[in-house]
Amino acid sequence: MTAIATAAIGVALLLDRVGGEPPERLHPVVWLGTIIDWCDREWSSPGAVGILVALFVPLVAGLIAATVIGWALTLGHLPGVVVAGTVLFTTVSLRSLVGAGTDVIAATGEDVAAAASEARSLVGRETTSLGPAALRSAAVESVAENLADGLVGPLVAFALGALVSLPVAVGAAVWVKGVNTLDSMLGYRTHPMGWASARLDDVVAWVPARLSAVLLAVAAGRPGAIGTARGYAREPASPNSGWPMATMAALLDVSLVKPGAYALNPGRGLPTAEQARAGVTLVHRAGLLAFLLAGVVAWL
């Protein structure tokens, strides 16, 4: 079973390389978002409903995915691998993440308004008032953070689940993706339903965030950068996102700044276009290392 789990990771990587994101109408994460959006309404006890949504929506999604893989395996190992790899592919994103970051960085040298518009697909902050360097900073921060949330997290869950079975592996990856999707949609301090989703995501993302920092440092050939990053990894309010972002700031020797929130590696300049592109390249390499590491763990 370990060999077919590793093969499924290979299928997911191949699909990411060839196709990028699936069309929205066919994307299970979009379907999940529709369900979360339906739950996001006025409730008499929003905190209690938020807990139930955080506990059950990702769990049900994971159970459905595991059931589908179990059914596919009854048809043979090849159908099981293809279906498992396809489902895993929908939970991870590398090519589209790298592409989005690259597009924003390129636009900062050509059309700042267009760069600000494109950056909204990557970052949650207001972008229209940001200059080119600040937009590059936002793009680099986001691709580093999303390396953990959008790739390493589901791959870690899949690899660990593969030690049990292929259905458990896929179900675990989908569960992690569900938790992350909930946090991105509801996990705000001002949202009455958001507390449970945010806290659950904090727990789930603890290992992927720190592993992503290590992968970035290894991809750059500078593992010592982790020590530098420790000094300001806790500057962001999130207990996790600061690790990959601070490591990126150390590796590029730049300051990554969210106005009014944090400044990582303060005292350095904001990234130039060349430095920002180098950051995106590091995310690409670290993402490929994440696939490789997941495949090795799944094989064990």
C-alpha atoms as a PDB file:
ATOM      1  CA  MET A   1       0.000   0.000   0.000  1.00  0.00           C
ATOM      2  CA  THR A   2       2.930   2.346   0.622  1.00  0.00           C
ATOM      3  CA  ALA A   3       4.066   2.096  -2.987  1.00  0.00           C
ATOM      4  CA  ILE A   4       0.667   3.096  -4.357  1.00  0.00           C
ATOM      5  CA  ALA A   5       0.523   6.012  -1.900  1.00  0.00           C
ATOM      6  CA  THR A   6       3.847   7.259  -3.265  1.00  0.00           C
ATOM      7  CA  ALA A   7       2.539   6.750  -6.802  1.00  0.00           C
ATOM      8  CA  ALA A   8      -0.534   8.830  -5.921  1.00  0.00           C
ATOM      9  CA  ILE A   9       1.758  11.663  -4.817  1.00  0.00           C
ATOM     10  CA  GLY A  10       3.465  11.379  -8.190  1.00  0.00           C
ATOM     11  CA  VAL A  11       0.105  11.657  -9.951  1.00  0.00           C
ATOM     12  CA  ALA A  12      -0.739  14.768  -7.927  1.00  0.00           C
ATOM     13  CA  LEU A  13       2.607  16.360  -8.804  1.00  0.00           C
ATOM     14  CA  LEU A  14       2.185  15.516 -12.493  1.00  0.00           C
ATOM     15  CA  LEU A  15      -1.296  17.053 -12.557  1.00  0.00           C
ATOM     16  CA  ASP A  16      -0.010  20.182 -10.840  1.00  0.00           C
ATOM     17  CA  ARG A  17       2.844  20.478 -13.349  1.00  0.00           C
ATOM     18  CA  VAL A  18       0.596  19.921 -16.357  1.00  0.00           C
ATOM     19  CA  GLY A  19      -2.695  21.492 -15.452  1.00  0.00           C
ATOM     20  CA  GLY A  20      -2.448  23.894 -12.541  1.00  0.00           C
ATOM     21  CA  GLU A  21      -5.778  24.455 -10.789  1.00  0.00           C
ATOM     22  CA  PRO A  22      -8.886  22.551 -11.956  1.00  0.00           C
ATOM     23  CA  PRO A  23     -11.803  24.634 -13.321  1.00  0.00           C
ATOM     24  CA  GLU A  24     -13.841  26.181 -10.504  1.00  0.00           C
ATOM     25  CA  ARG A  25     -17.000  24.274 -11.439  1.00  0.00           C
ATOM     26  CA  LEU A  26     -15.106  20.999 -10.928  1.00  0.00           C
ATOM     27  CA  HIS A  27     -12.982  22.007  -7.939  1.00  0.00           C
ATOM     28  CA  PRO A  28     -13.917  20.229  -4.672  1.00  0.00           C
ATOM     29  CA  VAL A  29     -12.468  23.096  -2.630  1.00  0.00           C
ATOM     30  CA  VAL A  30     -14.874  25.470  -4.382  1.00  0.00           C
ATOM     31  CA  TRP A  31     -17.711  23.101  -3.504  1.00  0.00           C
ATOM     32  CA  LEU A  32     -16.502  23.077   0.088  1.00  0.00           C
ATOM     33  CA  GLY A  33     -16.415  26.860   0.069  1.00  0.00           C
ATOM     34  CA  THR A  34     -20.021  26.922  -1.083  1.00  0.00           C
ATOM     35  CA  ILE A  35     -21.023  24.779   1.891  1.00  0.00           C
ATOM     36  CA  ILE A  36     -19.075  27.004   4.288  1.00  0.00           C
ATOM     37  CA  ASP A  37     -20.656  30.076   2.739  1.00  0.00           C
ATOM     38  CA  TRP A  38     -24.116  28.554   3.353  1.00  0.00           C
ATOM     39  CA  CYS A  39     -23.185  27.997   7.011  1.00  0.00           C
ATOM     40  CA  ASP A  40     -21.979  31.590   7.321  1.00  0.00           C
ATOM     41  CA  ARG A  41     -25.233  33.275   8.308  1.00  0.00           C
ATOM     42  CA  GLU A  42     -26.951  34.791  11.324  1.00  0.00           C
ATOM     43  CA  TRP A  43     -27.279  32.266  14.161  1.00  0.00           C
ATOM     44  CA  SER A  44     -28.628  32.759  17.673  1.00  0.00           C
ATOM     45  CA  SER A  45     -25.454  31.092  19.054  1.00  0.00           C
ATOM     46  CA  PRO A  46     -22.771  31.780  16.437  1.00  0.00           C
ATOM     47  CA  GLY A  47     -19.921  30.585  18.664  1.00  0.00           C
ATOM     48  CA  ALA A  48     -21.495  27.173  19.194  1.00  0.00           C
ATOM     49  CA  VAL A  49     -22.367  26.854  15.509  1.00  0.00           C
ATOM     50  CA  GLY A  50     -18.801  27.846  14.630  1.00  0.00           C
ATOM     51  CA  ILE A  51     -17.475  24.985  16.756  1.00  0.00           C
ATOM     52  CA  LEU A  52     -19.802  22.498  15.083  1.00  0.00           C
ATOM     53  CA  VAL A  53     -18.873  23.756  11.613  1.00  0.00           C
ATOM     54  CA  ALA A  54     -15.145  23.571  12.411  1.00  0.00           C
ATOM     55  CA  LEU A  55     -15.470  20.036  13.753  1.00  0.00           C
ATOM     56  CA  PHE A  56     -17.818  18.482  11.239  1.00  0.00           C
ATOM     57  CA  VAL A  57     -17.429  20.189   7.842  1.00  0.00           C
ATOM     58  CA  PRO A  58     -13.762  19.154   7.304  1.00  0.00           C
ATOM     59  CA  LEU A  59     -14.434  15.761   8.900  1.00  0.00           C
ATOM     60  CA  VAL A  60     -17.341  14.974   6.594  1.00  0.00           C
ATOM     61  CA  ALA A  61     -15.314  16.112   3.577  1.00  0.00           C
ATOM     62  CA  GLY A  62     -12.447  13.841   4.630  1.00  0.00           C
ATOM     63  CA  LEU A  63     -14.747  10.871   5.191  1.00  0.00           C
ATOM     64  CA  ILE A  64     -16.344  11.321   1.772  1.00  0.00           C
ATOM     65  CA  ALA A  65     -12.898  11.457   0.137  1.00  0.00           C
ATOM     66  CA  ALA A  66     -11.739   8.338   2.018  1.00  0.00           C
ATOM     67  CA  THR A  67     -14.894   6.491   0.968  1.00  0.00           C
ATOM     68  CA  VAL A  68     -14.349   7.410  -2.686  1.00  0.00           C
ATOM     69  CA  ILE A  69     -10.779   6.113  -2.551  1.00  0.00           C
ATOM     70  CA  GLY A  70     -11.905   2.932  -0.860  1.00  0.00           C
ATOM     71  CA  TRP A  71     -14.388   2.376  -3.673  1.00  0.00           C
ATOM     72  CA  ALA A  72     -11.743   3.110  -6.339  1.00  0.00           C
ATOM     73  CA  LEU A  73      -9.399   0.547  -4.791  1.00  0.00           C
ATOM     74  CA  THR A  74     -12.041  -2.151  -5.220  1.00  0.00           C
ATOM     75  CA  LEU A  75     -11.544  -1.645  -8.973  1.00  0.00           C
ATOM     76  CA  GLY A  76      -7.797  -2.234  -8.662  1.00  0.00           C
ATOM     77  CA  HIS A  77      -4.602  -0.499  -7.629  1.00  0.00           C
ATOM     78  CA  LEU A  78      -4.331   1.593 -10.805  1.00  0.00           C
ATOM     79  CA  PRO A  79      -7.786   3.199 -10.451  1.00  0.00           C
ATOM     80  CA  GLY A  80      -7.059   3.732  -6.770  1.00  0.00           C
ATOM     81  CA  VAL A  81      -3.781   5.511  -7.523  1.00  0.00           C
ATOM     82  CA  VAL A  82      -5.308   7.704 -10.228  1.00  0.00           C
ATOM     83  CA  VAL A  83      -8.324   8.727  -8.154  1.00  0.00           C
ATOM     84  CA  ALA A  84      -6.242   9.243  -5.000  1.00  0.00           C
ATOM     85  CA  GLY A  85      -3.681  11.326  -6.885  1.00  0.00           C
ATOM     86  CA  THR A  86      -6.421  13.394  -8.490  1.00  0.00           C
ATOM     87  CA  VAL A  87      -8.103  14.131  -5.161  1.00  0.00           C
ATOM     88  CA  LEU A  88      -4.757  14.956  -3.557  1.00  0.00           C
ATOM     89  CA  PHE A  89      -4.017  17.283  -6.478  1.00  0.00           C
ATOM     90  CA  THR A  90      -7.138  19.317  -5.629  1.00  0.00           C
ATOM     91  CA  THR A  91      -5.838  19.903  -2.089  1.00  0.00           C
ATOM     92  CA  VAL A  92      -2.386  21.178  -3.068  1.00  0.00           C
ATOM     93  CA  SER A  93      -1.183  24.045  -5.181  1.00  0.00           C
ATOM     94  CA  LEU A  94       2.326  24.855  -6.349  1.00  0.00           C
ATOM     95  CA  ARG A  95       2.224  25.875 -10.000  1.00  0.00           C
ATOM     96  CA  SER A  96      -0.672  28.309  -9.533  1.00  0.00           C
ATOM     97  CA  LEU A  97       0.884  29.753  -6.360  1.00  0.00           C
ATOM     98  CA  VAL A  98       4.217  30.360  -8.063  1.00  0.00           C
ATOM     99  CA  GLY A  99       2.454  31.749 -11.119  1.00  0.00           C
ATOM    100  CA  ALA A 100       0.369  34.191  -9.086  1.00  0.00           C
ATOM    101  CA  GLY A 101       3.408  35.484  -7.232  1.00  0.00           C
ATOM    102  CA  THR A 102       5.393  35.826 -10.444  1.00  0.00           C
ATOM    103  CA  ASP A 103       2.573  37.773 -12.117  1.00  0.00           C
ATOM    104  CA  VAL A 104       2.311  40.284  -9.276  1.00  0.00           C
ATOM    105  CA  ILE A 105       6.072  40.835  -9.195  1.00  0.00           C
ATOM    106  CA  ALA A 106       6.250  41.305 -12.960  1.00  0.00           C
ATOM    107  CA  ALA A 107       3.361  43.780 -12.906  1.00  0.00           C
ATOM    108  CA  THR A 108       5.057  45.983 -10.296  1.00  0.00           C
ATOM    109  CA  GLY A 109       7.559  47.040 -12.938  1.00  0.00           C
ATOM    110  CA  GLU A 110       4.941  47.706 -15.601  1.00  0.00           C
ATOM    111  CA  ASP A 111       1.582  48.680 -14.122  1.00  0.00           C
ATOM    112  CA  VAL A 112       1.310  49.236 -10.369  1.00  0.00           C
ATOM    113  CA  ALA A 113      -2.488  49.411 -10.487  1.00  0.00           C
ATOM    114  CA  ALA A 114      -2.612  46.043 -12.232  1.00  0.00           C
ATOM    115  CA  ALA A 115      -0.157  44.621  -9.702  1.00  0.00           C
ATOM    116  CA  ALA A 116      -2.345  45.850  -6.849  1.00  0.00           C
ATOM    117  CA  SER A 117      -5.379  44.228  -8.465  1.00  0.00           C
ATOM    118  CA  GLU A 118      -3.598  40.919  -9.041  1.00  0.00           C
ATOM    119  CA  ALA A 119      -2.211  40.948  -5.498  1.00  0.00           C
ATOM    120  CA  ARG A 120      -5.721  40.757  -4.075  1.00  0.00           C
ATOM    121  CA  SER A 121      -5.847  37.097  -5.134  1.00  0.00           C
ATOM    122  CA  LEU A 122      -2.829  36.438  -2.930  1.00  0.00           C
ATOM    123  CA  VAL A 123      -3.122  38.696   0.118  1.00  0.00           C
ATOM    124  CA  GLY A 124      -5.831  39.771   2.515  1.00  0.00           C
ATOM    125  CA  ARG A 125      -4.587  43.326   3.042  1.00  0.00           C
ATOM    126  CA  GLU A 126      -5.707  46.449   1.200  1.00  0.00           C
ATOM    127  CA  THR A 127      -3.420  46.829  -1.819  1.00  0.00           C
ATOM    128  CA  THR A 128      -4.487  49.932  -3.721  1.00  0.00           C
ATOM    129  CA  SER A 129      -2.346  52.249  -1.587  1.00  0.00           C
ATOM    130  CA  LEU A 130       0.792  50.098  -1.795  1.00  0.00           C
ATOM    131  CA  GLY A 131       3.768  51.027  -3.934  1.00  0.00           C
ATOM    132  CA  PRO A 132       5.766  48.581  -6.089  1.00  0.00           C
ATOM    133  CA  ALA A 133       8.193  47.516  -3.339  1.00  0.00           C
ATOM    134  CA  ALA A 134       5.388  47.002  -0.808  1.00  0.00           C
ATOM    135  CA  LEU A 135       3.455  44.946  -3.342  1.00  0.00           C
ATOM    136  CA  ARG A 136       6.509  42.782  -3.953  1.00  0.00           C
ATOM    137  CA  SER A 137       6.854  42.324  -0.208  1.00  0.00           C
ATOM    138  CA  ALA A 138       3.201  41.273   0.045  1.00  0.00           C
ATOM    139  CA  ALA A 139       3.629  38.792  -2.820  1.00  0.00           C
ATOM    140  CA  VAL A 140       6.748  37.214  -1.325  1.00  0.00           C
ATOM    141  CA  GLU A 141       5.144  36.966   2.123  1.00  0.00           C
ATOM    142  CA  SER A 142       2.042  35.349   0.668  1.00  0.00           C
ATOM    143  CA  VAL A 143       3.786  32.718  -1.446  1.00  0.00           C
ATOM    144  CA  ALA A 144       5.925  31.767   1.554  1.00  0.00           C
ATOM    145  CA  GLU A 145       2.922  31.513   3.869  1.00  0.00           C
ATOM    146  CA  ASN A 146       0.833  29.629   1.321  1.00  0.00           C
ATOM    147  CA  LEU A 147       3.628  27.137   0.787  1.00  0.00           C
ATOM    148  CA  ALA A 148       2.724  25.876   4.263  1.00  0.00           C
ATOM    149  CA  ASP A 149      -1.050  26.221   4.022  1.00  0.00           C
ATOM    150  CA  GLY A 150      -1.605  25.245   0.414  1.00  0.00           C
ATOM    151  CA  LEU A 151       0.978  22.530  -0.107  1.00  0.00           C
ATOM    152  CA  VAL A 152       3.006  21.278   2.837  1.00  0.00           C
ATOM    153  CA  GLY A 153       0.018  20.897   5.178  1.00  0.00           C
ATOM    154  CA  PRO A 154      -1.999  18.530   2.969  1.00  0.00           C
ATOM    155  CA  LEU A 155       1.158  16.639   1.937  1.00  0.00           C
ATOM    156  CA  VAL A 156       2.170  16.083   5.581  1.00  0.00           C
ATOM    157  CA  ALA A 157      -1.320  14.782   6.364  1.00  0.00           C
ATOM    158  CA  PHE A 158      -1.296  12.513   3.316  1.00  0.00           C
ATOM    159  CA  ALA A 159       2.158  11.103   4.070  1.00  0.00           C
ATOM    160  CA  LEU A 160       1.290  10.328   7.682  1.00  0.00           C
ATOM    161  CA  GLY A 161      -2.087   8.879   6.726  1.00  0.00           C
ATOM    162  CA  ALA A 162      -0.382   6.671   4.145  1.00  0.00           C
ATOM    163  CA  LEU A 163       1.266   4.830   7.023  1.00  0.00           C
ATOM    164  CA  VAL A 164      -2.254   3.506   7.741  1.00  0.00           C
ATOM    165  CA  SER A 165      -3.906   3.209   4.321  1.00  0.00           C
ATOM    166  CA  LEU A 166      -4.474   5.104   1.084  1.00  0.00           C
ATOM    167  CA  PRO A 167      -8.078   6.074   1.975  1.00  0.00           C
ATOM    168  CA  VAL A 168      -6.880   7.439   5.324  1.00  0.00           C
ATOM    169  CA  ALA A 169      -4.106   9.371   3.551  1.00  0.00           C
ATOM    170  CA  VAL A 170      -6.484  11.074   1.139  1.00  0.00           C
ATOM    171  CA  GLY A 171      -9.082  11.663   3.846  1.00  0.00           C
ATOM    172  CA  ALA A 172      -6.444  13.304   6.054  1.00  0.00           C
ATOM    173  CA  ALA A 173      -5.259  15.604   3.247  1.00  0.00           C
ATOM    174  CA  VAL A 174      -8.831  16.661   2.488  1.00  0.00           C
ATOM    175  CA  TRP A 175      -9.496  17.238   6.204  1.00  0.00           C
ATOM    176  CA  VAL A 176      -6.461  19.536   6.478  1.00  0.00           C
ATOM    177  CA  LYS A 177      -7.527  21.412   3.351  1.00  0.00           C
ATOM    178  CA  GLY A 178     -11.002  21.776   4.828  1.00  0.00           C
ATOM    179  CA  VAL A 179      -9.603  23.213   8.054  1.00  0.00           C
ATOM    180  CA  ASN A 180      -7.488  25.698   6.116  1.00  0.00           C
ATOM    181  CA  THR A 181     -10.421  26.701   3.904  1.00  0.00           C
ATOM    182  CA  LEU A 182     -12.594  27.289   6.959  1.00  0.00           C
ATOM    183  CA  ASP A 183      -9.914  29.474   8.505  1.00  0.00           C
ATOM    184  CA  SER A 184      -9.499  31.531   5.342  1.00  0.00           C
ATOM    185  CA  MET A 185     -13.270  32.136   5.130  1.00  0.00           C
ATOM    186  CA  LEU A 186     -14.329  32.410   8.784  1.00  0.00           C
ATOM    187  CA  GLY A 187     -11.192  32.637  10.909  1.00  0.00           C
ATOM    188  CA  TYR A 188     -11.228  36.370  11.614  1.00  0.00           C
ATOM    189  CA  ARG A 189     -11.310  37.930  15.073  1.00  0.00           C
ATOM    190  CA  THR A 190     -14.276  40.051  14.053  1.00  0.00           C
ATOM    191  CA  HIS A 191     -16.274  37.067  12.771  1.00  0.00           C
ATOM    192  CA  PRO A 192     -18.715  35.693  15.355  1.00  0.00           C
ATOM    193  CA  MET A 193     -18.238  32.134  14.036  1.00  0.00           C
ATOM    194  CA  GLY A 194     -14.518  32.342  13.438  1.00  0.00           C
ATOM    195  CA  TRP A 195     -12.858  31.488  16.755  1.00  0.00           C
ATOM    196  CA  ALA A 196     -13.061  27.693  16.480  1.00  0.00           C
ATOM    197  CA  SER A 197     -11.910  27.605  12.861  1.00  0.00           C
ATOM    198  CA  ALA A 198      -8.938  29.864  13.596  1.00  0.00           C
ATOM    199  CA  ARG A 199      -7.810  27.914  16.665  1.00  0.00           C
ATOM    200  CA  LEU A 200      -8.135  24.566  14.906  1.00  0.00           C
ATOM    201  CA  ASP A 201      -6.100  25.871  11.989  1.00  0.00           C
ATOM    202  CA  ASP A 202      -3.435  27.115  14.422  1.00  0.00           C
ATOM    203  CA  VAL A 203      -3.024  23.564  15.721  1.00  0.00           C
ATOM    204  CA  VAL A 204      -3.094  21.888  12.313  1.00  0.00           C
ATOM    205  CA  ALA A 205      -0.639  24.356  10.744  1.00  0.00           C
ATOM    206  CA  TRP A 206       1.971  24.202  13.531  1.00  0.00           C
ATOM    207  CA  VAL A 207       4.136  21.492  11.954  1.00  0.00           C
ATOM    208  CA  PRO A 208       3.649  22.477   8.271  1.00  0.00           C
ATOM    209  CA  ALA A 209       4.663  26.091   8.952  1.00  0.00           C
ATOM    210  CA  ARG A 210       7.925  25.106  10.624  1.00  0.00           C
ATOM    211  CA  LEU A 211       8.626  22.365   8.103  1.00  0.00           C
ATOM    212  CA  SER A 212       8.076  24.878   5.295  1.00  0.00           C
ATOM    213  CA  ALA A 213      10.690  27.146   6.866  1.00  0.00           C
ATOM    214  CA  VAL A 214      13.142  24.239   6.921  1.00  0.00           C
ATOM    215  CA  LEU A 215      12.364  23.333   3.316  1.00  0.00           C
ATOM    216  CA  LEU A 216      12.947  26.928   2.202  1.00  0.00           C
ATOM    217  CA  ALA A 217      16.286  27.008   3.993  1.00  0.00           C
ATOM    218  CA  VAL A 218      17.322  23.663   2.499  1.00  0.00           C
ATOM    219  CA  ALA A 219      16.201  24.783  -0.967  1.00  0.00           C
ATOM    220  CA  ALA A 220      18.473  27.807  -0.612  1.00  0.00           C
ATOM    221  CA  GLY A 221      21.353  25.724   0.748  1.00  0.00           C
ATOM    222  CA  ARG A 222      21.368  27.839   3.919  1.00  0.00           C
ATOM    223  CA  PRO A 223      19.919  25.858   6.847  1.00  0.00           C
ATOM    224  CA  GLY A 224      21.438  28.389   9.247  1.00  0.00           C
ATOM    225  CA  ALA A 225      18.827  30.933   8.128  1.00  0.00           C
ATOM    226  CA  ILE A 226      16.362  29.240  10.468  1.00  0.00           C
ATOM    227  CA  GLY A 227      18.359  30.552  13.409  1.00  0.00           C
ATOM    228  CA  THR A 228      18.189  34.097  12.063  1.00  0.00           C
ATOM    229  CA  ALA A 229      14.461  33.781  11.381  1.00  0.00           C
ATOM    230  CA  ARG A 230      13.735  32.695  14.958  1.00  0.00           C
ATOM    231  CA  GLY A 231      14.415  36.234  16.111  1.00  0.00           C
ATOM    232  CA  TYR A 232      11.351  37.674  14.369  1.00  0.00           C
ATOM    233  CA  ALA A 233       9.206  34.686  13.395  1.00  0.00           C
ATOM    234  CA  ARG A 234       6.810  35.544  16.212  1.00  0.00           C
ATOM    235  CA  GLU A 235       6.212  39.121  15.067  1.00  0.00           C
ATOM    236  CA  PRO A 236       3.001  38.289  13.119  1.00  0.00           C
ATOM    237  CA  ALA A 237      -0.100  37.664  15.213  1.00  0.00           C
ATOM    238  CA  SER A 238      -0.390  34.143  13.805  1.00  0.00           C
ATOM    239  CA  PRO A 239       1.642  31.542  15.730  1.00  0.00           C
ATOM    240  CA  ASN A 240       2.599  29.864  12.463  1.00  0.00           C
ATOM    241  CA  SER A 241       2.739  32.126   9.409  1.00  0.00           C
ATOM    242  CA  GLY A 242       5.772  34.025  10.686  1.00  0.00           C
ATOM    243  CA  TRP A 243       8.066  31.012  10.312  1.00  0.00           C
ATOM    244  CA  PRO A 244       8.131  30.621   6.511  1.00  0.00           C
ATOM    245  CA  MET A 245       7.872  34.389   6.008  1.00  0.00           C
ATOM    246  CA  ALA A 246      10.705  35.191   8.438  1.00  0.00           C
ATOM    247  CA  THR A 247      12.869  32.490   6.884  1.00  0.00           C
ATOM    248  CA  MET A 248      12.243  33.969   3.460  1.00  0.00           C
ATOM    249  CA  ALA A 249      13.210  37.427   4.730  1.00  0.00           C
ATOM    250  CA  ALA A 250      16.452  36.020   6.134  1.00  0.00           C
ATOM    251  CA  LEU A 251      17.274  34.096   2.965  1.00  0.00           C
ATOM    252  CA  LEU A 252      16.704  37.098   0.702  1.00  0.00           C
ATOM    253  CA  ASP A 253      18.246  39.544   3.214  1.00  0.00           C
ATOM    254  CA  VAL A 254      15.245  41.835   2.838  1.00  0.00           C
ATOM    255  CA  SER A 255      12.583  43.275   5.079  1.00  0.00           C
ATOM    256  CA  LEU A 256       9.066  41.915   4.596  1.00  0.00           C
ATOM    257  CA  VAL A 257       6.522  44.344   5.989  1.00  0.00           C
ATOM    258  CA  LYS A 258       2.796  44.414   6.542  1.00  0.00           C
ATOM    259  CA  PRO A 259       2.062  48.027   7.518  1.00  0.00           C
ATOM    260  CA  GLY A 260       0.731  48.299  11.041  1.00  0.00           C
ATOM    261  CA  ALA A 261       1.215  44.595  11.729  1.00  0.00           C
ATOM    262  CA  TYR A 262       4.837  43.448  11.512  1.00  0.00           C
ATOM    263  CA  ALA A 263       8.263  44.011  10.014  1.00  0.00           C
ATOM    264  CA  LEU A 264      10.354  40.899   9.446  1.00  0.00           C
ATOM    265  CA  ASN A 265      14.131  41.373   9.301  1.00  0.00           C
ATOM    266  CA  PRO A 266      13.777  45.097  10.056  1.00  0.00           C
ATOM    267  CA  GLY A 267      16.507  47.432   8.941  1.00  0.00           C
ATOM    268  CA  ARG A 268      16.816  45.883   5.491  1.00  0.00           C
ATOM    269  CA  GLY A 269      15.228  47.204   2.345  1.00  0.00           C
ATOM    270  CA  LEU A 270      12.014  45.943   0.788  1.00  0.00           C
ATOM    271  CA  PRO A 271      12.599  43.359  -1.957  1.00  0.00           C
ATOM    272  CA  THR A 272      13.682  44.427  -5.404  1.00  0.00           C
ATOM    273  CA  ALA A 273      12.110  42.700  -8.387  1.00  0.00           C
ATOM    274  CA  GLU A 274      15.167  40.432  -8.655  1.00  0.00           C
ATOM    275  CA  GLN A 275      15.028  39.500  -4.970  1.00  0.00           C
ATOM    276  CA  ALA A 276      11.285  38.893  -5.116  1.00  0.00           C
ATOM    277  CA  ARG A 277      11.677  36.590  -8.120  1.00  0.00           C
ATOM    278  CA  ALA A 278      14.393  34.733  -6.235  1.00  0.00           C
ATOM    279  CA  GLY A 279      11.930  34.268  -3.366  1.00  0.00           C
ATOM    280  CA  VAL A 280       9.318  32.758  -5.659  1.00  0.00           C
ATOM    281  CA  THR A 281      11.968  30.443  -7.095  1.00  0.00           C
ATOM    282  CA  LEU A 282      12.809  29.274  -3.567  1.00  0.00           C
ATOM    283  CA  VAL A 283       9.141  28.509  -2.926  1.00  0.00           C
ATOM    284  CA  HIS A 284       9.050  26.467  -6.126  1.00  0.00           C
ATOM    285  CA  ARG A 285      12.106  24.464  -5.105  1.00  0.00           C
ATOM    286  CA  ALA A 286      10.835  23.996  -1.555  1.00  0.00           C
ATOM    287  CA  GLY A 287       7.502  22.805  -2.917  1.00  0.00           C
ATOM    288  CA  LEU A 288       9.191  20.165  -5.049  1.00  0.00           C
ATOM    289  CA  LEU A 289      11.178  19.087  -1.994  1.00  0.00           C
ATOM    290  CA  ALA A 290       7.883  18.778  -0.098  1.00  0.00           C
ATOM    291  CA  PHE A 291       6.519  16.404  -2.741  1.00  0.00           C
ATOM    292  CA  LEU A 292       9.741  14.391  -2.612  1.00  0.00           C
ATOM    293  CA  LEU A 293       9.723  14.208   1.190  1.00  0.00           C
ATOM    294  CA  ALA A 294       6.058  13.191   1.262  1.00  0.00           C
ATOM    295  CA  GLY A 295       6.780  10.431  -1.254  1.00  0.00           C
ATOM    296  CA  VAL A 296       9.670   9.102   0.825  1.00  0.00           C
ATOM    297  CA  VAL A 297       7.618   9.101   4.055  1.00  0.00           C
ATOM    298  CA  ALA A 298       4.676   7.427   2.300  1.00  0.00           C
ATOM    299  CA  TRP A 299       7.034   4.715   1.017  1.00  0.00           C
ATOM    300  CA  LEU A 300       8.270   3.823   4.491  1.00  0.00           C
END
